[in-house]
């Protein structure tokens, strides 16, 4: 049921600086068109004692570690104790949560990473929301545009929701583990505490507390 994939059922809003971005919305993808403007407003409220402000649309927590080889384009907020590693590419409209890791050759664009998220090795995360402590294995990506360029529809069995979005990466609930080399196709929504097998091609909705082994084998955790 698509009601299982609402913000309330997927995400702990106490684990993101962007809590207000989600207020008044039902599904997490509804925030995607507003991330950039929200960062600009929120950034103005961040304390100078806690955040460096190297350019007009970039805020980096003083306790964050950012490699000198990382490329960071605003608008962006990098949270406390976060780590942005060698050759990470943040294209803009990105919120990196507290204690999160953005790793080697990982690219972010129009995304919200909740606290403690890890995208540490060769990941692409575009037009996506990644819940608290979610982790993407090496080489796993959020594919954000359909090959036919049509608007993305979220489907769960016979139920469907027209998002009105051409670009829609993936929505991961809290504590999701995505295996290495997996592709999360446009419109993918994964419930809390799921595990995705390596080399999976995932589309549609995966219910909370399940293991995705293949398109025909999605089993409940015991």
C-alpha atoms as a PDB file:
ATOM      1  CA  UNK A   1       0.000   0.000   0.000  1.00  0.00           C
ATOM      2  CA  UNK A   2       1.382   3.411  -0.949  1.00  0.00           C
ATOM      3  CA  UNK A   3       0.382   4.717   2.466  1.00  0.00           C
ATOM      4  CA  UNK A   4       3.316   2.658   3.756  1.00  0.00           C
ATOM      5  CA  UNK A   5       5.667   4.909   1.797  1.00  0.00           C
ATOM      6  CA  UNK A   6       4.692   8.264   3.302  1.00  0.00           C
ATOM      7  CA  UNK A   7       7.245  10.510   4.964  1.00  0.00           C
ATOM      8  CA  UNK A   8       5.941   9.454   8.384  1.00  0.00           C
ATOM      9  CA  UNK A   9       6.513   5.770   7.622  1.00  0.00           C
ATOM     10  CA  UNK A  10       9.900   6.176   5.935  1.00  0.00           C
ATOM     11  CA  UNK A  11      11.858   8.878   7.725  1.00  0.00           C
ATOM     12  CA  UNK A  12      12.808  10.094  11.191  1.00  0.00           C
ATOM     13  CA  UNK A  13      12.602  13.851  10.705  1.00  0.00           C
ATOM     14  CA  UNK A  14      14.514  14.402  13.943  1.00  0.00           C
ATOM     15  CA  UNK A  15      17.580  13.120  12.064  1.00  0.00           C
ATOM     16  CA  UNK A  16      17.884  15.948   9.559  1.00  0.00           C
ATOM     17  CA  UNK A  17      18.502  19.677   9.617  1.00  0.00           C
ATOM     18  CA  UNK A  18      15.901  19.818   6.820  1.00  0.00           C
ATOM     19  CA  UNK A  19      12.927  18.793   8.968  1.00  0.00           C
ATOM     20  CA  UNK A  20      10.925  21.886   7.971  1.00  0.00           C
ATOM     21  CA  UNK A  21      11.335  21.034   4.275  1.00  0.00           C
ATOM     22  CA  UNK A  22       9.103  17.994   4.787  1.00  0.00           C
ATOM     23  CA  UNK A  23       6.396  19.720   6.824  1.00  0.00           C
ATOM     24  CA  UNK A  24       2.948  19.640   5.239  1.00  0.00           C
ATOM     25  CA  UNK A  25       3.947  17.045   2.654  1.00  0.00           C
ATOM     26  CA  UNK A  26       2.784  13.438   2.344  1.00  0.00           C
ATOM     27  CA  UNK A  27       5.456  11.735   0.253  1.00  0.00           C
ATOM     28  CA  UNK A  28       9.203  12.435   0.341  1.00  0.00           C
ATOM     29  CA  UNK A  29       9.553  13.141  -3.391  1.00  0.00           C
ATOM     30  CA  UNK A  30       7.362  16.209  -2.949  1.00  0.00           C
ATOM     31  CA  UNK A  31      10.399  18.054  -1.533  1.00  0.00           C
ATOM     32  CA  UNK A  32      12.551  17.637  -4.653  1.00  0.00           C
ATOM     33  CA  UNK A  33      11.546  20.896  -6.417  1.00  0.00           C
ATOM     34  CA  UNK A  34      12.122  22.910  -3.220  1.00  0.00           C
ATOM     35  CA  UNK A  35      15.534  21.752  -1.990  1.00  0.00           C
ATOM     36  CA  UNK A  36      17.565  24.577  -3.508  1.00  0.00           C
ATOM     37  CA  UNK A  37      15.397  27.421  -2.199  1.00  0.00           C
ATOM     38  CA  UNK A  38      15.168  25.754   1.204  1.00  0.00           C
ATOM     39  CA  UNK A  39      18.961  25.586   1.514  1.00  0.00           C
ATOM     40  CA  UNK A  40      19.290  29.294   0.772  1.00  0.00           C
ATOM     41  CA  UNK A  41      16.764  30.163   3.492  1.00  0.00           C
ATOM     42  CA  UNK A  42      18.130  27.731   6.055  1.00  0.00           C
ATOM     43  CA  UNK A  43      21.712  28.739   5.400  1.00  0.00           C
ATOM     44  CA  UNK A  44      20.993  32.308   6.464  1.00  0.00           C
ATOM     45  CA  UNK A  45      19.990  31.020   9.921  1.00  0.00           C
ATOM     46  CA  UNK A  46      23.125  28.942  10.583  1.00  0.00           C
ATOM     47  CA  UNK A  47      25.470  30.258  13.256  1.00  0.00           C
ATOM     48  CA  UNK A  48      28.830  31.668  12.192  1.00  0.00           C
ATOM     49  CA  UNK A  49      30.454  30.015  15.206  1.00  0.00           C
ATOM     50  CA  UNK A  50      29.442  26.591  13.835  1.00  0.00           C
ATOM     51  CA  UNK A  51      29.500  26.981  10.034  1.00  0.00           C
ATOM     52  CA  UNK A  52      31.975  28.395   7.565  1.00  0.00           C
ATOM     53  CA  UNK A  53      30.376  30.338   4.704  1.00  0.00           C
ATOM     54  CA  UNK A  54      32.993  30.382   1.908  1.00  0.00           C
ATOM     55  CA  UNK A  55      30.563  31.596  -0.750  1.00  0.00           C
ATOM     56  CA  UNK A  56      27.080  33.017  -0.882  1.00  0.00           C
ATOM     57  CA  UNK A  57      25.367  29.629  -1.232  1.00  0.00           C
ATOM     58  CA  UNK A  58      27.715  27.237   0.592  1.00  0.00           C
ATOM     59  CA  UNK A  59      27.702  26.428   4.302  1.00  0.00           C
ATOM     60  CA  UNK A  60      30.146  23.911   5.759  1.00  0.00           C
ATOM     61  CA  UNK A  61      30.177  22.932   9.426  1.00  0.00           C
ATOM     62  CA  UNK A  62      33.500  23.738  11.059  1.00  0.00           C
ATOM     63  CA  UNK A  63      33.628  20.184  12.427  1.00  0.00           C
ATOM     64  CA  UNK A  64      33.191  18.631   8.963  1.00  0.00           C
ATOM     65  CA  UNK A  65      36.148  17.181   7.074  1.00  0.00           C
ATOM     66  CA  UNK A  66      36.319  18.180   3.419  1.00  0.00           C
ATOM     67  CA  UNK A  67      39.117  16.925   1.174  1.00  0.00           C
ATOM     68  CA  UNK A  68      40.905  19.663  -0.775  1.00  0.00           C
ATOM     69  CA  UNK A  69      40.205  17.709  -3.987  1.00  0.00           C
ATOM     70  CA  UNK A  70      36.419  17.730  -3.457  1.00  0.00           C
ATOM     71  CA  UNK A  71      34.362  19.943  -5.780  1.00  0.00           C
ATOM     72  CA  UNK A  72      31.481  21.694  -4.020  1.00  0.00           C
ATOM     73  CA  UNK A  73      28.955  23.844  -5.875  1.00  0.00           C
ATOM     74  CA  UNK A  74      26.096  25.528  -4.046  1.00  0.00           C
ATOM     75  CA  UNK A  75      23.551  25.740  -2.833  1.00  0.00           C
ATOM     76  CA  UNK A  76      24.768  23.225  -0.279  1.00  0.00           C
ATOM     77  CA  UNK A  77      24.883  22.620   3.458  1.00  0.00           C
ATOM     78  CA  UNK A  78      27.403  20.164   4.878  1.00  0.00           C
ATOM     79  CA  UNK A  79      26.532  19.179   8.415  1.00  0.00           C
ATOM     80  CA  UNK A  80      28.541  18.719  11.584  1.00  0.00           C
ATOM     81  CA  UNK A  81      31.090  15.890  11.679  1.00  0.00           C
ATOM     82  CA  UNK A  82      30.323  15.030   8.032  1.00  0.00           C
ATOM     83  CA  UNK A  83      33.109  13.791   5.780  1.00  0.00           C
ATOM     84  CA  UNK A  84      33.489  14.706   2.099  1.00  0.00           C
ATOM     85  CA  UNK A  85      36.302  12.644   0.653  1.00  0.00           C
ATOM     86  CA  UNK A  86      38.772  12.825  -2.239  1.00  0.00           C
ATOM     87  CA  UNK A  87      37.242  13.795  -5.585  1.00  0.00           C
ATOM     88  CA  UNK A  88      33.646  13.923  -4.347  1.00  0.00           C
ATOM     89  CA  UNK A  89      31.510  16.094  -6.643  1.00  0.00           C
ATOM     90  CA  UNK A  90      28.609  18.009  -5.106  1.00  0.00           C
ATOM     91  CA  UNK A  91      26.812  19.676  -8.002  1.00  0.00           C
ATOM     92  CA  UNK A  92      24.464  21.727  -5.869  1.00  0.00           C
ATOM     93  CA  UNK A  93      21.096  21.661  -4.121  1.00  0.00           C
ATOM     94  CA  UNK A  94      22.435  19.151  -1.604  1.00  0.00           C
ATOM     95  CA  UNK A  95      22.121  18.744   2.150  1.00  0.00           C
ATOM     96  CA  UNK A  96      24.698  16.441   3.719  1.00  0.00           C
ATOM     97  CA  UNK A  97      23.590  15.369   7.183  1.00  0.00           C
ATOM     98  CA  UNK A  98      25.557  15.252  10.392  1.00  0.00           C
ATOM     99  CA  UNK A  99      28.094  12.447  10.460  1.00  0.00           C
ATOM    100  CA  UNK A 100      27.362  11.543   6.833  1.00  0.00           C
ATOM    101  CA  UNK A 101      30.036  10.328   4.410  1.00  0.00           C
ATOM    102  CA  UNK A 102      30.287  11.413   0.775  1.00  0.00           C
ATOM    103  CA  UNK A 103      33.083   9.351  -0.661  1.00  0.00           C
ATOM    104  CA  UNK A 104      35.580   9.019  -3.457  1.00  0.00           C
ATOM    105  CA  UNK A 105      34.127   9.981  -6.847  1.00  0.00           C
ATOM    106  CA  UNK A 106      30.595  10.153  -5.437  1.00  0.00           C
ATOM    107  CA  UNK A 107      28.307  12.717  -7.082  1.00  0.00           C
ATOM    108  CA  UNK A 108      25.379  14.458  -5.395  1.00  0.00           C
ATOM    109  CA  UNK A 109      22.738  16.638  -7.033  1.00  0.00           C
ATOM    110  CA  UNK A 110      19.414  17.876  -5.641  1.00  0.00           C
ATOM    111  CA  UNK A 111      19.460  15.477  -2.721  1.00  0.00           C
ATOM    112  CA  UNK A 112      18.866  15.313   1.011  1.00  0.00           C
ATOM    113  CA  UNK A 113      21.103  12.984   2.989  1.00  0.00           C
ATOM    114  CA  UNK A 114      19.854  12.497   6.522  1.00  0.00           C
ATOM    115  CA  UNK A 115      22.296  12.151   9.416  1.00  0.00           C
ATOM    116  CA  UNK A 116      24.781   9.253   9.323  1.00  0.00           C
ATOM    117  CA  UNK A 117      24.066   8.408   5.663  1.00  0.00           C
ATOM    118  CA  UNK A 118      26.968   6.784   3.850  1.00  0.00           C
ATOM    119  CA  UNK A 119      27.552   7.064   0.097  1.00  0.00           C
ATOM    120  CA  UNK A 120      31.265   6.279   0.293  1.00  0.00           C
ATOM    121  CA  UNK A 121      32.410   4.784  -3.018  1.00  0.00           C
ATOM    122  CA  UNK A 122      31.560   5.723  -6.617  1.00  0.00           C
ATOM    123  CA  UNK A 123      27.881   6.489  -6.007  1.00  0.00           C
ATOM    124  CA  UNK A 124      25.531   8.749  -7.940  1.00  0.00           C
ATOM    125  CA  UNK A 125      22.759  10.290  -5.854  1.00  0.00           C
ATOM    126  CA  UNK A 126      20.551  12.662  -7.825  1.00  0.00           C
ATOM    127  CA  UNK A 127      17.020  13.897  -7.072  1.00  0.00           C
ATOM    128  CA  UNK A 128      16.912  11.631  -4.046  1.00  0.00           C
ATOM    129  CA  UNK A 129      16.192  11.470  -0.326  1.00  0.00           C
ATOM    130  CA  UNK A 130      18.268   9.089   1.785  1.00  0.00           C
ATOM    131  CA  UNK A 131      16.990   8.356   5.280  1.00  0.00           C
ATOM    132  CA  UNK A 132      18.887   8.135   8.564  1.00  0.00           C
ATOM    133  CA  UNK A 133      21.812   5.685   8.540  1.00  0.00           C
ATOM    134  CA  UNK A 134      21.030   4.449   5.029  1.00  0.00           C
ATOM    135  CA  UNK A 135      24.045   3.108   3.182  1.00  0.00           C
ATOM    136  CA  UNK A 136      24.761   2.643  -0.504  1.00  0.00           C
ATOM    137  CA  UNK A 137      27.358   0.027  -1.392  1.00  0.00           C
ATOM    138  CA  UNK A 138      30.199   0.721  -3.796  1.00  0.00           C
ATOM    139  CA  UNK A 139      29.046   1.598  -7.292  1.00  0.00           C
ATOM    140  CA  UNK A 140      25.332   1.661  -6.472  1.00  0.00           C
ATOM    141  CA  UNK A 141      23.436   4.540  -8.060  1.00  0.00           C
ATOM    142  CA  UNK A 142      20.117   6.357  -8.156  1.00  0.00           C
ATOM    143  CA  UNK A 143      19.030   6.491 -11.784  1.00  0.00           C
ATOM    144  CA  UNK A 144      16.938   9.647 -11.970  1.00  0.00           C
ATOM    145  CA  UNK A 145      15.589   9.934 -15.537  1.00  0.00           C
ATOM    146  CA  UNK A 146      13.575   7.338 -17.445  1.00  0.00           C
ATOM    147  CA  UNK A 147      15.009   6.256 -20.791  1.00  0.00           C
ATOM    148  CA  UNK A 148      11.856   7.486 -22.558  1.00  0.00           C
ATOM    149  CA  UNK A 149      12.125  10.821 -20.667  1.00  0.00           C
ATOM    150  CA  UNK A 150       8.496  10.553 -19.504  1.00  0.00           C
ATOM    151  CA  UNK A 151       7.298  11.757 -16.096  1.00  0.00           C
ATOM    152  CA  UNK A 152       7.959   9.336 -13.258  1.00  0.00           C
ATOM    153  CA  UNK A 153       5.099   7.309 -11.775  1.00  0.00           C
ATOM    154  CA  UNK A 154       5.524   5.596  -8.401  1.00  0.00           C
ATOM    155  CA  UNK A 155       4.001   2.123  -8.549  1.00  0.00           C
ATOM    156  CA  UNK A 156       3.210  -0.393  -5.824  1.00  0.00           C
ATOM    157  CA  UNK A 157       1.368  -3.316  -7.344  1.00  0.00           C
ATOM    158  CA  UNK A 158      -1.788  -1.937  -8.940  1.00  0.00           C
ATOM    159  CA  UNK A 159      -1.499   1.367  -7.087  1.00  0.00           C
ATOM    160  CA  UNK A 160       0.242   4.285  -8.728  1.00  0.00           C
ATOM    161  CA  UNK A 161       0.933   7.949  -8.069  1.00  0.00           C
ATOM    162  CA  UNK A 162       1.744  10.460 -10.793  1.00  0.00           C
ATOM    163  CA  UNK A 163       4.604  12.530  -9.407  1.00  0.00           C
ATOM    164  CA  UNK A 164       4.717  15.136 -12.171  1.00  0.00           C
ATOM    165  CA  UNK A 165       8.508  14.882 -12.012  1.00  0.00           C
ATOM    166  CA  UNK A 166      10.817  14.122 -14.914  1.00  0.00           C
ATOM    167  CA  UNK A 167      13.730  13.654 -12.530  1.00  0.00           C
ATOM    168  CA  UNK A 168      13.225  11.328  -9.567  1.00  0.00           C
ATOM    169  CA  UNK A 169      16.095   9.316  -8.122  1.00  0.00           C
ATOM    170  CA  UNK A 170      15.261   7.078  -5.174  1.00  0.00           C
ATOM    171  CA  UNK A 171      13.650   7.495  -1.787  1.00  0.00           C
ATOM    172  CA  UNK A 172      15.339   5.407   0.913  1.00  0.00           C
ATOM    173  CA  UNK A 173      13.826   4.950   4.341  1.00  0.00           C
ATOM    174  CA  UNK A 174      15.918   4.875   7.502  1.00  0.00           C
ATOM    175  CA  UNK A 175      18.506   2.084   7.886  1.00  0.00           C
ATOM    176  CA  UNK A 176      18.337   0.836   4.285  1.00  0.00           C
ATOM    177  CA  UNK A 177      21.306  -1.156   3.000  1.00  0.00           C
ATOM    178  CA  UNK A 178      21.854  -1.108  -0.777  1.00  0.00           C
ATOM    179  CA  UNK A 179      24.255  -3.733  -2.133  1.00  0.00           C
ATOM    180  CA  UNK A 180      27.235  -2.961  -4.343  1.00  0.00           C
ATOM    181  CA  UNK A 181      26.612  -2.323  -8.024  1.00  0.00           C
ATOM    182  CA  UNK A 182      22.845  -1.910  -7.692  1.00  0.00           C
ATOM    183  CA  UNK A 183      20.733   0.438  -9.810  1.00  0.00           C
ATOM    184  CA  UNK A 184      17.725   2.080  -8.180  1.00  0.00           C
ATOM    185  CA  UNK A 185      15.531   3.001 -11.140  1.00  0.00           C
ATOM    186  CA  UNK A 186      13.458   6.216 -11.334  1.00  0.00           C
ATOM    187  CA  UNK A 187      10.494   6.051  -8.968  1.00  0.00           C
ATOM    188  CA  UNK A 188      12.051   3.535  -6.576  1.00  0.00           C
ATOM    189  CA  UNK A 189      10.931   3.818  -2.953  1.00  0.00           C
ATOM    190  CA  UNK A 190      12.479   1.531  -0.335  1.00  0.00           C
ATOM    191  CA  UNK A 191      10.948   1.102   3.111  1.00  0.00           C
ATOM    192  CA  UNK A 192      12.782   1.234   6.408  1.00  0.00           C
ATOM    193  CA  UNK A 193      15.355  -1.413   7.344  1.00  0.00           C
ATOM    194  CA  UNK A 194      15.441  -3.125   3.938  1.00  0.00           C
ATOM    195  CA  UNK A 195      18.411  -4.892   2.412  1.00  0.00           C
ATOM    196  CA  UNK A 196      18.983  -4.840  -1.341  1.00  0.00           C
ATOM    197  CA  UNK A 197      21.137  -7.629  -2.748  1.00  0.00           C
ATOM    198  CA  UNK A 198      24.251  -6.594  -4.716  1.00  0.00           C
ATOM    199  CA  UNK A 199      23.851  -6.134  -8.488  1.00  0.00           C
ATOM    200  CA  UNK A 200      20.095  -5.603  -8.176  1.00  0.00           C
ATOM    201  CA  UNK A 201      18.009  -3.554 -10.597  1.00  0.00           C
ATOM    202  CA  UNK A 202      15.216  -2.208  -8.409  1.00  0.00           C
ATOM    203  CA  UNK A 203      12.031  -0.441  -9.480  1.00  0.00           C
ATOM    204  CA  UNK A 204       8.769   0.278  -7.714  1.00  0.00           C
ATOM    205  CA  UNK A 205       8.284   0.012  -3.965  1.00  0.00           C
ATOM    206  CA  UNK A 206       9.963  -2.353  -1.513  1.00  0.00           C
ATOM    207  CA  UNK A 207       8.062  -2.720   1.796  1.00  0.00           C
ATOM    208  CA  UNK A 208       9.803  -2.085   5.111  1.00  0.00           C
ATOM    209  CA  UNK A 209      11.817  -4.871   6.745  1.00  0.00           C
ATOM    210  CA  UNK A 210      12.229  -6.884   3.548  1.00  0.00           C
ATOM    211  CA  UNK A 211      15.176  -8.326   1.648  1.00  0.00           C
ATOM    212  CA  UNK A 212      15.207  -7.646  -2.093  1.00  0.00           C
ATOM    213  CA  UNK A 213      16.897 -10.632  -3.747  1.00  0.00           C
ATOM    214  CA  UNK A 214      15.411 -10.228  -7.224  1.00  0.00           C
ATOM    215  CA  UNK A 215      12.309  -8.793  -8.865  1.00  0.00           C
ATOM    216  CA  UNK A 216      10.458 -12.043  -8.164  1.00  0.00           C
ATOM    217  CA  UNK A 217      11.943 -12.712  -4.730  1.00  0.00           C
ATOM    218  CA  UNK A 218      11.341 -10.084  -2.069  1.00  0.00           C
ATOM    219  CA  UNK A 219      11.173 -11.739   1.338  1.00  0.00           C
ATOM    220  CA  UNK A 220      10.281 -10.462   4.778  1.00  0.00           C
ATOM    221  CA  UNK A 221      13.064 -10.389   7.341  1.00  0.00           C
ATOM    222  CA  UNK A 222      12.770 -13.025  10.040  1.00  0.00           C
END
